[in-house]
Amino acid sequence: MRLATYQVPAAAGDQEGGECAVYYFGQGQGGSVEANIDRWIGQFQQPNGKPSKDLAKMDKRTIKGLKVTTVDVSGTYTGMGGPRAPAGPPKQSYRLLGAIVEGAQGSIFFKFTGPAKTVAQNQAAFEKILSTLHTQ
């Protein structure tokens, strides 16, 4: 279930802004970390035909006792749509910053997508959000 959606203003020169969505499905729900990271990476195509997984940057770290897996992938974004939204045309020069935070009551999923320039301009803010996470 989508908990929140943050609209991110477009960087100068970009035609549209980005979106940071936050999801929580419940304890034991939402799929594995690996399955979600693979799905997010699979929503991108590369102009040279290389697999996006070969170019994606993944990291595992701990933030205030919470396991956090992050992914950074760019290319042509084909991941629009879903069960309640119609699929849109692929979007070139897009980027995704994703984070999956594993907690005792289930994982929280952060998915920030948008034009590469807009995402780059807001990467520090995305990291700041992650740095504020803590257990209760």
C-alpha atoms as a PDB file:
ATOM      1  CA  MET A   1       0.000   0.000   0.000  1.00  0.00           C
ATOM      2  CA  ARG A   2       1.280   3.437  -0.893  1.00  0.00           C
ATOM      3  CA  LEU A   3       1.729   5.451   2.293  1.00  0.00           C
ATOM      4  CA  ALA A   4       2.907   8.712   0.768  1.00  0.00           C
ATOM      5  CA  THR A   5       3.790  10.339  -2.518  1.00  0.00           C
ATOM      6  CA  TYR A   6       6.116  13.311  -2.700  1.00  0.00           C
ATOM      7  CA  GLN A   7       6.137  15.414  -5.863  1.00  0.00           C
ATOM      8  CA  VAL A   8       9.623  16.736  -6.610  1.00  0.00           C
ATOM      9  CA  PRO A   9       9.891  19.910  -8.721  1.00  0.00           C
ATOM     10  CA  ALA A  10      11.711  19.640 -12.052  1.00  0.00           C
ATOM     11  CA  ALA A  11      15.310  20.769 -12.225  1.00  0.00           C
ATOM     12  CA  ALA A  12      16.064  23.605 -14.615  1.00  0.00           C
ATOM     13  CA  GLY A  13      15.808  22.259 -18.153  1.00  0.00           C
ATOM     14  CA  ASP A  14      13.718  19.188 -17.264  1.00  0.00           C
ATOM     15  CA  GLN A  15      10.196  19.060 -18.678  1.00  0.00           C
ATOM     16  CA  GLU A  16       8.717  17.315 -15.640  1.00  0.00           C
ATOM     17  CA  GLY A  17       9.472  16.687 -12.001  1.00  0.00           C
ATOM     18  CA  GLY A  18      10.058  13.496 -10.108  1.00  0.00           C
ATOM     19  CA  GLU A  19       8.104  11.428  -7.641  1.00  0.00           C
ATOM     20  CA  CYS A  20       9.146   9.747  -4.416  1.00  0.00           C
ATOM     21  CA  ALA A  21       6.687   7.074  -3.321  1.00  0.00           C
ATOM     22  CA  VAL A  22       6.769   5.309   0.048  1.00  0.00           C
ATOM     23  CA  TYR A  23       5.168   1.871   0.444  1.00  0.00           C
ATOM     24  CA  TYR A  24       4.400  -0.430   3.366  1.00  0.00           C
ATOM     25  CA  PHE A  25       2.567  -3.719   2.885  1.00  0.00           C
ATOM     26  CA  GLY A  26       2.747  -5.207   6.380  1.00  0.00           C
ATOM     27  CA  GLN A  27       4.934  -7.695   8.172  1.00  0.00           C
ATOM     28  CA  GLY A  28       6.112 -10.445   5.830  1.00  0.00           C
ATOM     29  CA  GLN A  29       4.436  -8.752   2.836  1.00  0.00           C
ATOM     30  CA  GLY A  30       5.677  -6.912  -0.246  1.00  0.00           C
ATOM     31  CA  GLY A  31       8.176  -9.491  -1.480  1.00  0.00           C
ATOM     32  CA  SER A  32      11.838  -9.973  -0.785  1.00  0.00           C
ATOM     33  CA  VAL A  33      14.418  -7.223  -0.966  1.00  0.00           C
ATOM     34  CA  GLU A  34      16.095  -8.938  -3.912  1.00  0.00           C
ATOM     35  CA  ALA A  35      12.841  -9.414  -5.856  1.00  0.00           C
ATOM     36  CA  ASN A  36      11.913  -5.754  -5.471  1.00  0.00           C
ATOM     37  CA  ILE A  37      15.385  -4.482  -6.410  1.00  0.00           C
ATOM     38  CA  ASP A  38      15.388  -6.772  -9.469  1.00  0.00           C
ATOM     39  CA  ARG A  39      11.913  -5.564 -10.471  1.00  0.00           C
ATOM     40  CA  TRP A  40      12.914  -1.904 -10.140  1.00  0.00           C
ATOM     41  CA  ILE A  41      16.079  -2.452 -12.180  1.00  0.00           C
ATOM     42  CA  GLY A  42      14.023  -4.349 -14.757  1.00  0.00           C
ATOM     43  CA  GLN A  43      11.899  -1.230 -15.294  1.00  0.00           C
ATOM     44  CA  PHE A  44      14.866   0.348 -17.131  1.00  0.00           C
ATOM     45  CA  GLN A  45      16.274  -0.323 -20.585  1.00  0.00           C
ATOM     46  CA  GLN A  46      19.706   0.702 -21.826  1.00  0.00           C
ATOM     47  CA  PRO A  47      20.279   2.267 -25.253  1.00  0.00           C
ATOM     48  CA  ASN A  48      23.139  -0.127 -25.973  1.00  0.00           C
ATOM     49  CA  GLY A  49      21.052  -3.177 -25.079  1.00  0.00           C
ATOM     50  CA  LYS A  50      23.161  -4.027 -22.013  1.00  0.00           C
ATOM     51  CA  PRO A  51      21.243  -5.379 -19.030  1.00  0.00           C
ATOM     52  CA  SER A  52      20.401  -2.593 -16.582  1.00  0.00           C
ATOM     53  CA  LYS A  53      21.497  -4.888 -13.755  1.00  0.00           C
ATOM     54  CA  ASP A  54      25.089  -4.645 -15.055  1.00  0.00           C
ATOM     55  CA  LEU A  55      24.987  -0.849 -14.664  1.00  0.00           C
ATOM     56  CA  ALA A  56      22.907  -0.477 -11.502  1.00  0.00           C
ATOM     57  CA  LYS A  57      24.650   0.483  -8.279  1.00  0.00           C
ATOM     58  CA  MET A  58      23.504  -1.414  -5.203  1.00  0.00           C
ATOM     59  CA  ASP A  59      24.559  -0.964  -1.597  1.00  0.00           C
ATOM     60  CA  LYS A  60      23.734  -2.539   1.743  1.00  0.00           C
ATOM     61  CA  ARG A  61      24.205  -0.568   4.942  1.00  0.00           C
ATOM     62  CA  THR A  62      22.854  -0.157   8.432  1.00  0.00           C
ATOM     63  CA  ILE A  63      21.209   3.082   9.544  1.00  0.00           C
ATOM     64  CA  LYS A  64      20.479   3.337  13.264  1.00  0.00           C
ATOM     65  CA  GLY A  65      20.155  -0.431  13.551  1.00  0.00           C
ATOM     66  CA  LEU A  66      18.008  -0.888  10.431  1.00  0.00           C
ATOM     67  CA  LYS A  67      19.173  -2.871   7.392  1.00  0.00           C
ATOM     68  CA  VAL A  68      18.905  -0.690   4.290  1.00  0.00           C
ATOM     69  CA  THR A  69      19.438  -1.836   0.706  1.00  0.00           C
ATOM     70  CA  THR A  70      19.719   0.895  -1.906  1.00  0.00           C
ATOM     71  CA  VAL A  71      19.736   0.901  -5.696  1.00  0.00           C
ATOM     72  CA  ASP A  72      20.603   3.592  -8.241  1.00  0.00           C
ATOM     73  CA  VAL A  73      19.753   2.900 -11.898  1.00  0.00           C
ATOM     74  CA  SER A  74      19.351   5.095 -14.981  1.00  0.00           C
ATOM     75  CA  GLY A  75      18.190   4.663 -18.555  1.00  0.00           C
ATOM     76  CA  THR A  76      14.848   4.533 -20.332  1.00  0.00           C
ATOM     77  CA  TYR A  77      12.147   4.081 -17.712  1.00  0.00           C
ATOM     78  CA  THR A  78       9.360   1.680 -18.652  1.00  0.00           C
ATOM     79  CA  GLY A  79       7.949   1.158 -15.155  1.00  0.00           C
ATOM     80  CA  MET A  80       4.973   3.471 -15.327  1.00  0.00           C
ATOM     81  CA  GLY A  81       1.546   2.041 -14.782  1.00  0.00           C
ATOM     82  CA  GLY A  82       0.465  -0.656 -12.422  1.00  0.00           C
ATOM     83  CA  PRO A  83      -2.794  -2.204 -11.323  1.00  0.00           C
ATOM     84  CA  ARG A  84      -4.549   1.163 -10.942  1.00  0.00           C
ATOM     85  CA  ALA A  85      -2.673   3.324 -13.447  1.00  0.00           C
ATOM     86  CA  PRO A  86      -2.418   3.012 -17.202  1.00  0.00           C
ATOM     87  CA  ALA A  87       1.031   2.394 -18.615  1.00  0.00           C
ATOM     88  CA  GLY A  88       2.632   5.423 -20.186  1.00  0.00           C
ATOM     89  CA  PRO A  89       5.235   5.685 -22.917  1.00  0.00           C
ATOM     90  CA  PRO A  90       8.860   4.908 -21.975  1.00  0.00           C
ATOM     91  CA  LYS A  91      10.769   7.901 -20.638  1.00  0.00           C
ATOM     92  CA  GLN A  92      14.365   8.422 -21.708  1.00  0.00           C
ATOM     93  CA  SER A  93      17.115   9.777 -19.445  1.00  0.00           C
ATOM     94  CA  TYR A  94      15.344   8.753 -16.263  1.00  0.00           C
ATOM     95  CA  ARG A  95      16.813   7.656 -12.963  1.00  0.00           C
ATOM     96  CA  LEU A  96      15.593   5.711  -9.944  1.00  0.00           C
ATOM     97  CA  LEU A  97      16.907   5.902  -6.407  1.00  0.00           C
ATOM     98  CA  GLY A  98      15.365   3.148  -4.338  1.00  0.00           C
ATOM     99  CA  ALA A  99      15.730   2.035  -0.747  1.00  0.00           C
ATOM    100  CA  ILE A 100      14.260  -0.877   1.139  1.00  0.00           C
ATOM    101  CA  VAL A 101      14.411  -0.561   4.902  1.00  0.00           C
ATOM    102  CA  GLU A 102      13.959  -3.797   6.819  1.00  0.00           C
ATOM    103  CA  GLY A 103      12.214  -3.368  10.156  1.00  0.00           C
ATOM    104  CA  ALA A 104      10.774  -5.723  12.749  1.00  0.00           C
ATOM    105  CA  GLN A 105       7.228  -4.948  11.587  1.00  0.00           C
ATOM    106  CA  GLY A 106       8.004  -5.250   7.878  1.00  0.00           C
ATOM    107  CA  SER A 107       9.884  -3.440   5.165  1.00  0.00           C
ATOM    108  CA  ILE A 108       9.384   0.138   4.019  1.00  0.00           C
ATOM    109  CA  PHE A 109      10.009   0.802   0.323  1.00  0.00           C
ATOM    110  CA  PHE A 110      11.188   4.184  -0.999  1.00  0.00           C
ATOM    111  CA  LYS A 111      11.127   4.661  -4.783  1.00  0.00           C
ATOM    112  CA  PHE A 112      12.267   8.012  -6.202  1.00  0.00           C
ATOM    113  CA  THR A 113      11.960   8.295  -9.994  1.00  0.00           C
ATOM    114  CA  GLY A 114      12.247  11.168 -12.416  1.00  0.00           C
ATOM    115  CA  PRO A 115      14.401  12.807 -15.042  1.00  0.00           C
ATOM    116  CA  ALA A 116      18.052  12.076 -14.279  1.00  0.00           C
ATOM    117  CA  LYS A 117      18.900  15.750 -13.681  1.00  0.00           C
ATOM    118  CA  THR A 118      15.976  16.234 -11.268  1.00  0.00           C
ATOM    119  CA  VAL A 119      16.893  13.087  -9.334  1.00  0.00           C
ATOM    120  CA  ALA A 120      20.562  14.100  -9.153  1.00  0.00           C
ATOM    121  CA  GLN A 121      19.613  17.549  -7.865  1.00  0.00           C
ATOM    122  CA  ASN A 122      17.573  15.936  -5.071  1.00  0.00           C
ATOM    123  CA  GLN A 123      19.778  12.959  -4.211  1.00  0.00           C
ATOM    124  CA  ALA A 124      21.072  14.605  -1.023  1.00  0.00           C
ATOM    125  CA  ALA A 125      17.488  15.163   0.164  1.00  0.00           C
ATOM    126  CA  PHE A 126      16.681  11.491  -0.507  1.00  0.00           C
ATOM    127  CA  GLU A 127      19.729  10.443   1.523  1.00  0.00           C
ATOM    128  CA  LYS A 128      18.698  12.829   4.295  1.00  0.00           C
ATOM    129  CA  ILE A 129      15.300  11.127   4.519  1.00  0.00           C
ATOM    130  CA  LEU A 130      17.030   7.765   4.930  1.00  0.00           C
ATOM    131  CA  SER A 131      19.367   9.179   7.596  1.00  0.00           C
ATOM    132  CA  THR A 132      16.381  10.141   9.772  1.00  0.00           C
ATOM    133  CA  LEU A 133      15.002   6.590  10.019  1.00  0.00           C
ATOM    134  CA  HIS A 134      15.008   4.895  13.407  1.00  0.00           C
ATOM    135  CA  THR A 135      13.285   2.081  15.260  1.00  0.00           C
ATOM    136  CA  GLN A 136      10.577   2.712  17.819  1.00  0.00           C
END
